[in-house]
């Protein structure tokens, strides 16, 4: 979940930079693509030392 939080923080900073209102964290996570979720899960497996 840390990766999602890091990505969300960058997203919020960019919204602030351009004067936009960011969506809340829950909606941000819900909107992630399957590709993004798969990449997160793969990286989590690698960090735990598990084989793909």
Protein backbone atom coordinates (compact mmCIF):
# COMPACT_ATOMS: atom_id res chain seq x y z
CA UNK A 1 0.00 0.00 0.00
CA UNK A 2 3.00 2.26 0.46
CA UNK A 3 3.47 2.53 -3.31
CA UNK A 4 -0.13 3.68 -3.67
CA UNK A 5 0.40 6.29 -0.99
CA UNK A 6 3.60 7.52 -2.63
CA UNK A 7 1.84 7.77 -5.99
CA UNK A 8 -1.09 9.55 -4.38
CA UNK A 9 1.24 12.09 -2.78
CA UNK A 10 2.81 12.88 -6.17
CA UNK A 11 -0.67 13.15 -7.67
CA UNK A 12 -1.73 15.60 -4.93
CA UNK A 13 1.39 17.71 -5.44
CA UNK A 14 0.71 17.95 -9.17
CA UNK A 15 -2.92 18.87 -8.58
CA UNK A 16 -1.77 21.60 -6.21
CA UNK A 17 0.80 22.80 -8.74
CA UNK A 18 -1.90 23.24 -11.38
CA UNK A 19 -4.62 24.51 -9.06
CA UNK A 20 -6.79 21.37 -9.31
CA UNK A 21 -8.78 19.68 -6.56
CA UNK A 22 -7.50 16.10 -6.06
CA UNK A 23 -9.84 13.16 -5.52
CA UNK A 24 -9.64 11.35 -2.18
CA UNK A 25 -7.26 8.41 -1.66
CA UNK A 26 -9.96 5.76 -1.81
CA UNK A 27 -11.21 6.95 -5.22
CA UNK A 28 -7.60 7.25 -6.44
CA UNK A 29 -6.95 3.58 -5.61
CA UNK A 30 -10.25 2.44 -7.13
CA UNK A 31 -9.29 4.10 -10.42
CA UNK A 32 -5.98 2.23 -10.80
CA UNK A 33 -5.81 0.09 -13.94
CA UNK A 34 -5.36 -3.68 -13.93
CA UNK A 35 -1.87 -3.13 -15.31
CA UNK A 36 -1.01 -0.87 -12.37
CA UNK A 37 -2.43 -3.36 -9.87
CA UNK A 38 -0.50 -6.23 -11.48
CA UNK A 39 2.75 -4.22 -11.31
CA UNK A 40 2.13 -3.46 -7.63
CA UNK A 41 1.47 -7.13 -6.85
CA UNK A 42 4.58 -8.22 -8.75
CA UNK A 43 6.77 -5.72 -6.91
CA UNK A 44 5.28 -6.83 -3.57
CA UNK A 45 6.14 -10.47 -4.41
CA UNK A 46 9.72 -9.50 -5.29
CA UNK A 47 10.11 -7.58 -2.02
CA UNK A 48 8.92 -10.62 -0.08
CA UNK A 49 11.37 -12.84 -1.96
CA UNK A 50 8.66 -14.91 -3.64
CA UNK A 51 8.87 -16.27 -7.17
CA UNK A 52 6.45 -14.85 -9.79
